[in-house]
């Protein structure tokens, strides 16, 4: 059995993701105050847009990182850091920054974010046990061996029954 087939699939629809991202916004509404929102790309772009709309954030930046190659996590690369204007708005240690991602998995990305902005508020829609201690706010915890299929990574197709020959 290869690494990918050992994972528990967790497909998330657009409707479910929207509900979960809005739930994250509800939790974040009382936190702050935040001077700017930072989306961790690419996964954090969609939840960041939803959170920004729901809590009225207008200053939005991206922290562009790459750590996944489809299904395997590799070496972390910072492709684009925070803009000077957002760093200035965030204040000492990034205290005024809200940083949003779709998922905290092993915590590699969250550790990089903490080095860049140690006092920022980090939020993720989904959290796995290894990454959970590194975020301040999240909505749903899933097991470490779960693989989340986000709606932007999937399409509608026939799904064979769990049991062979049951179709």
C-alpha atoms as a PDB file:
ATOM      1  CA  UNK A   1       0.000   0.000   0.000  1.00  0.00           C
ATOM      2  CA  UNK A   2       1.503   3.356  -0.990  1.00  0.00           C
ATOM      3  CA  UNK A   3       1.429   6.506   1.159  1.00  0.00           C
ATOM      4  CA  UNK A   4      -1.466   8.100  -0.743  1.00  0.00           C
ATOM      5  CA  UNK A   5      -3.757   5.044  -0.551  1.00  0.00           C
ATOM      6  CA  UNK A   6      -3.140   4.785   3.222  1.00  0.00           C
ATOM      7  CA  UNK A   7      -4.754   8.184   3.732  1.00  0.00           C
ATOM      8  CA  UNK A   8      -8.392   8.620   4.684  1.00  0.00           C
ATOM      9  CA  UNK A   9     -10.123  10.670   1.982  1.00  0.00           C
ATOM     10  CA  UNK A  10     -12.133  13.691   3.163  1.00  0.00           C
ATOM     11  CA  UNK A  11     -13.830  15.374   0.173  1.00  0.00           C
ATOM     12  CA  UNK A  12     -15.079  18.900   0.851  1.00  0.00           C
ATOM     13  CA  UNK A  13     -17.717  20.499  -1.395  1.00  0.00           C
ATOM     14  CA  UNK A  14     -17.838  24.201  -2.252  1.00  0.00           C
ATOM     15  CA  UNK A  15     -20.918  24.575  -0.035  1.00  0.00           C
ATOM     16  CA  UNK A  16     -19.240  22.893   2.919  1.00  0.00           C
ATOM     17  CA  UNK A  17     -16.034  24.874   2.495  1.00  0.00           C
ATOM     18  CA  UNK A  18     -17.994  28.132   2.320  1.00  0.00           C
ATOM     19  CA  UNK A  19     -19.854  27.226   5.537  1.00  0.00           C
ATOM     20  CA  UNK A  20     -16.591  26.284   7.271  1.00  0.00           C
ATOM     21  CA  UNK A  21     -14.820  29.477   6.133  1.00  0.00           C
ATOM     22  CA  UNK A  22     -17.784  31.569   7.352  1.00  0.00           C
ATOM     23  CA  UNK A  23     -17.617  29.710  10.688  1.00  0.00           C
ATOM     24  CA  UNK A  24     -13.949  30.702  10.855  1.00  0.00           C
ATOM     25  CA  UNK A  25     -14.949  34.329  10.232  1.00  0.00           C
ATOM     26  CA  UNK A  26     -17.480  34.123  13.093  1.00  0.00           C
ATOM     27  CA  UNK A  27     -14.734  32.923  15.442  1.00  0.00           C
ATOM     28  CA  UNK A  28     -12.348  35.630  14.254  1.00  0.00           C
ATOM     29  CA  UNK A  29     -14.902  38.440  14.478  1.00  0.00           C
ATOM     30  CA  UNK A  30     -14.181  39.048  18.166  1.00  0.00           C
ATOM     31  CA  UNK A  31     -10.422  38.670  17.852  1.00  0.00           C
ATOM     32  CA  UNK A  32      -8.021  41.397  16.822  1.00  0.00           C
ATOM     33  CA  UNK A  33      -8.063  44.221  16.092  1.00  0.00           C
ATOM     34  CA  UNK A  34      -6.504  43.344  12.761  1.00  0.00           C
ATOM     35  CA  UNK A  35      -4.916  45.940  10.491  1.00  0.00           C
ATOM     36  CA  UNK A  36      -4.413  43.606   7.529  1.00  0.00           C
ATOM     37  CA  UNK A  37      -5.212  40.091   6.394  1.00  0.00           C
ATOM     38  CA  UNK A  38      -2.608  37.803   4.834  1.00  0.00           C
ATOM     39  CA  UNK A  39      -3.605  34.822   2.696  1.00  0.00           C
ATOM     40  CA  UNK A  40      -1.110  31.958   2.627  1.00  0.00           C
ATOM     41  CA  UNK A  41      -1.073  30.922  -1.015  1.00  0.00           C
ATOM     42  CA  UNK A  42      -2.491  29.133  -2.662  1.00  0.00           C
ATOM     43  CA  UNK A  43      -4.770  27.262  -0.287  1.00  0.00           C
ATOM     44  CA  UNK A  44      -5.486  30.280   1.888  1.00  0.00           C
ATOM     45  CA  UNK A  45      -6.762  32.461  -0.964  1.00  0.00           C
ATOM     46  CA  UNK A  46     -10.359  31.224  -0.921  1.00  0.00           C
ATOM     47  CA  UNK A  47     -10.900  31.226   2.858  1.00  0.00           C
ATOM     48  CA  UNK A  48      -9.102  34.585   3.135  1.00  0.00           C
ATOM     49  CA  UNK A  49     -11.519  36.128   0.621  1.00  0.00           C
ATOM     50  CA  UNK A  50     -14.497  34.785   2.577  1.00  0.00           C
ATOM     51  CA  UNK A  51     -13.105  35.893   5.953  1.00  0.00           C
ATOM     52  CA  UNK A  52     -12.176  39.342   4.580  1.00  0.00           C
ATOM     53  CA  UNK A  53     -15.702  39.850   3.282  1.00  0.00           C
ATOM     54  CA  UNK A  54     -17.363  38.669   6.478  1.00  0.00           C
ATOM     55  CA  UNK A  55     -15.303  40.753   8.913  1.00  0.00           C
ATOM     56  CA  UNK A  56     -14.770  43.783   6.670  1.00  0.00           C
ATOM     57  CA  UNK A  57     -11.035  43.541   5.978  1.00  0.00           C
ATOM     58  CA  UNK A  58      -9.872  45.645   3.024  1.00  0.00           C
ATOM     59  CA  UNK A  59      -6.078  45.425   3.252  1.00  0.00           C
ATOM     60  CA  UNK A  60      -5.104  41.980   1.992  1.00  0.00           C
ATOM     61  CA  UNK A  61      -1.666  40.642   1.165  1.00  0.00           C
ATOM     62  CA  UNK A  62      -0.286  37.233   0.263  1.00  0.00           C
ATOM     63  CA  UNK A  63       2.506  35.153   1.679  1.00  0.00           C
ATOM     64  CA  UNK A  64       3.416  32.871  -1.185  1.00  0.00           C
ATOM     65  CA  UNK A  65       4.876  29.532  -0.152  1.00  0.00           C
ATOM     66  CA  UNK A  66       5.281  26.182  -1.813  1.00  0.00           C
ATOM     67  CA  UNK A  67       5.576  22.933   0.098  1.00  0.00           C
ATOM     68  CA  UNK A  68       3.311  20.452  -1.692  1.00  0.00           C
ATOM     69  CA  UNK A  69       3.732  18.695  -5.003  1.00  0.00           C
ATOM     70  CA  UNK A  70       0.169  17.434  -5.517  1.00  0.00           C
ATOM     71  CA  UNK A  71       0.095  14.952  -2.606  1.00  0.00           C
ATOM     72  CA  UNK A  72       3.576  14.977  -1.057  1.00  0.00           C
ATOM     73  CA  UNK A  73       4.971  17.609   1.245  1.00  0.00           C
ATOM     74  CA  UNK A  74       8.482  18.668   0.343  1.00  0.00           C
ATOM     75  CA  UNK A  75      10.944  21.436   1.083  1.00  0.00           C
ATOM     76  CA  UNK A  76       9.352  24.759   2.106  1.00  0.00           C
ATOM     77  CA  UNK A  77      10.040  27.670  -0.236  1.00  0.00           C
ATOM     78  CA  UNK A  78       9.010  31.286   0.316  1.00  0.00           C
ATOM     79  CA  UNK A  79       8.174  32.575  -3.153  1.00  0.00           C
ATOM     80  CA  UNK A  80       6.952  36.037  -1.999  1.00  0.00           C
ATOM     81  CA  UNK A  81       7.140  37.609   1.430  1.00  0.00           C
ATOM     82  CA  UNK A  82       4.893  40.240   2.981  1.00  0.00           C
ATOM     83  CA  UNK A  83       4.793  43.709   1.464  1.00  0.00           C
ATOM     84  CA  UNK A  84       6.540  46.523   3.351  1.00  0.00           C
ATOM     85  CA  UNK A  85       3.205  48.329   3.763  1.00  0.00           C
ATOM     86  CA  UNK A  86       1.575  45.296   5.437  1.00  0.00           C
ATOM     87  CA  UNK A  87       4.596  44.697   7.689  1.00  0.00           C
ATOM     88  CA  UNK A  88       4.335  48.339   8.791  1.00  0.00           C
ATOM     89  CA  UNK A  89       0.554  48.034   9.383  1.00  0.00           C
ATOM     90  CA  UNK A  90       1.061  44.818  11.333  1.00  0.00           C
ATOM     91  CA  UNK A  91       3.327  46.524  13.821  1.00  0.00           C
ATOM     92  CA  UNK A  92       5.850  44.895  16.121  1.00  0.00           C
ATOM     93  CA  UNK A  93       6.071  41.177  15.420  1.00  0.00           C
ATOM     94  CA  UNK A  94       2.988  41.307  13.178  1.00  0.00           C
ATOM     95  CA  UNK A  95       0.582  41.756  16.118  1.00  0.00           C
ATOM     96  CA  UNK A  96      -2.019  43.424  13.868  1.00  0.00           C
ATOM     97  CA  UNK A  97      -1.952  40.727  11.187  1.00  0.00           C
ATOM     98  CA  UNK A  98      -4.524  38.016  10.599  1.00  0.00           C
ATOM     99  CA  UNK A  99      -2.973  35.185   8.598  1.00  0.00           C
ATOM    100  CA  UNK A 100      -5.386  32.715   6.957  1.00  0.00           C
ATOM    101  CA  UNK A 101      -4.737  29.297   5.434  1.00  0.00           C
ATOM    102  CA  UNK A 102      -6.967  26.421   4.384  1.00  0.00           C
ATOM    103  CA  UNK A 103      -5.190  23.754   6.435  1.00  0.00           C
ATOM    104  CA  UNK A 104      -2.483  23.335   9.037  1.00  0.00           C
ATOM    105  CA  UNK A 105      -1.033  19.864   8.461  1.00  0.00           C
ATOM    106  CA  UNK A 106       2.443  19.112   9.828  1.00  0.00           C
ATOM    107  CA  UNK A 107       2.956  22.734  10.858  1.00  0.00           C
ATOM    108  CA  UNK A 108       5.810  23.439   8.416  1.00  0.00           C
ATOM    109  CA  UNK A 109       4.060  26.442   6.875  1.00  0.00           C
ATOM    110  CA  UNK A 110       2.810  27.727  10.233  1.00  0.00           C
ATOM    111  CA  UNK A 111       6.366  27.627  11.619  1.00  0.00           C
ATOM    112  CA  UNK A 112       7.577  29.740   8.697  1.00  0.00           C
ATOM    113  CA  UNK A 113       4.705  32.173   9.286  1.00  0.00           C
ATOM    114  CA  UNK A 114       5.585  32.384  13.006  1.00  0.00           C
ATOM    115  CA  UNK A 115       9.207  33.225  12.141  1.00  0.00           C
ATOM    116  CA  UNK A 116       8.043  36.003   9.814  1.00  0.00           C
ATOM    117  CA  UNK A 117       5.312  37.398  12.107  1.00  0.00           C
ATOM    118  CA  UNK A 118       5.629  35.859  15.598  1.00  0.00           C
ATOM    119  CA  UNK A 119       2.756  37.864  17.121  1.00  0.00           C
ATOM    120  CA  UNK A 120       0.302  37.463  14.216  1.00  0.00           C
ATOM    121  CA  UNK A 121      -2.993  35.635  14.663  1.00  0.00           C
ATOM    122  CA  UNK A 122      -2.860  32.488  12.508  1.00  0.00           C
ATOM    123  CA  UNK A 123      -6.162  30.906  11.477  1.00  0.00           C
ATOM    124  CA  UNK A 124      -6.929  27.817   9.409  1.00  0.00           C
ATOM    125  CA  UNK A 125     -10.174  26.229   8.373  1.00  0.00           C
ATOM    126  CA  UNK A 126      -8.920  22.685   9.027  1.00  0.00           C
ATOM    127  CA  UNK A 127      -6.251  21.434  11.443  1.00  0.00           C
ATOM    128  CA  UNK A 128      -4.414  18.153  11.892  1.00  0.00           C
ATOM    129  CA  UNK A 129      -2.939  17.179  15.285  1.00  0.00           C
ATOM    130  CA  UNK A 130       0.694  17.939  14.367  1.00  0.00           C
ATOM    131  CA  UNK A 131      -0.163  21.464  13.219  1.00  0.00           C
ATOM    132  CA  UNK A 132      -2.998  22.349  15.599  1.00  0.00           C
ATOM    133  CA  UNK A 133      -0.781  23.808  18.376  1.00  0.00           C
ATOM    134  CA  UNK A 134       0.697  26.296  15.891  1.00  0.00           C
ATOM    135  CA  UNK A 135      -2.564  28.064  14.975  1.00  0.00           C
ATOM    136  CA  UNK A 136      -4.642  30.378  17.134  1.00  0.00           C
ATOM    137  CA  UNK A 137      -8.015  29.591  15.556  1.00  0.00           C
ATOM    138  CA  UNK A 138      -9.380  26.736  13.451  1.00  0.00           C
ATOM    139  CA  UNK A 139     -12.776  25.166  12.731  1.00  0.00           C
ATOM    140  CA  UNK A 140     -12.483  21.423  12.108  1.00  0.00           C
ATOM    141  CA  UNK A 141      -9.864  18.966  13.315  1.00  0.00           C
ATOM    142  CA  UNK A 142      -9.145  15.930  11.159  1.00  0.00           C
ATOM    143  CA  UNK A 143      -6.797  13.019  11.836  1.00  0.00           C
ATOM    144  CA  UNK A 144      -3.183  13.236  10.694  1.00  0.00           C
ATOM    145  CA  UNK A 145      -3.743  10.452   8.122  1.00  0.00           C
ATOM    146  CA  UNK A 146      -6.684  12.264   6.503  1.00  0.00           C
ATOM    147  CA  UNK A 147      -6.240  13.722   3.022  1.00  0.00           C
ATOM    148  CA  UNK A 148      -8.587  16.647   2.394  1.00  0.00           C
ATOM    149  CA  UNK A 149      -9.806  16.982  -1.181  1.00  0.00           C
ATOM    150  CA  UNK A 150     -10.598  20.683  -1.530  1.00  0.00           C
ATOM    151  CA  UNK A 151     -13.290  21.723  -4.010  1.00  0.00           C
ATOM    152  CA  UNK A 152     -10.819  23.616  -6.226  1.00  0.00           C
ATOM    153  CA  UNK A 153      -8.802  20.396  -6.641  1.00  0.00           C
ATOM    154  CA  UNK A 154     -11.690  18.118  -7.606  1.00  0.00           C
ATOM    155  CA  UNK A 155     -14.506  17.731 -10.100  1.00  0.00           C
ATOM    156  CA  UNK A 156     -17.696  15.735 -10.264  1.00  0.00           C
ATOM    157  CA  UNK A 157     -17.205  12.178 -11.461  1.00  0.00           C
ATOM    158  CA  UNK A 158     -18.535   8.680 -10.934  1.00  0.00           C
ATOM    159  CA  UNK A 159     -17.522   7.218  -7.580  1.00  0.00           C
ATOM    160  CA  UNK A 160     -17.278   3.438  -7.478  1.00  0.00           C
ATOM    161  CA  UNK A 161     -18.900   1.687  -4.472  1.00  0.00           C
ATOM    162  CA  UNK A 162     -16.645   0.926  -1.521  1.00  0.00           C
ATOM    163  CA  UNK A 163     -17.096  -2.825  -2.014  1.00  0.00           C
ATOM    164  CA  UNK A 164     -15.791  -4.273  -5.294  1.00  0.00           C
ATOM    165  CA  UNK A 165     -18.587  -5.504  -7.565  1.00  0.00           C
ATOM    166  CA  UNK A 166     -21.333  -3.682  -5.641  1.00  0.00           C
ATOM    167  CA  UNK A 167     -22.200  -1.466  -8.622  1.00  0.00           C
END
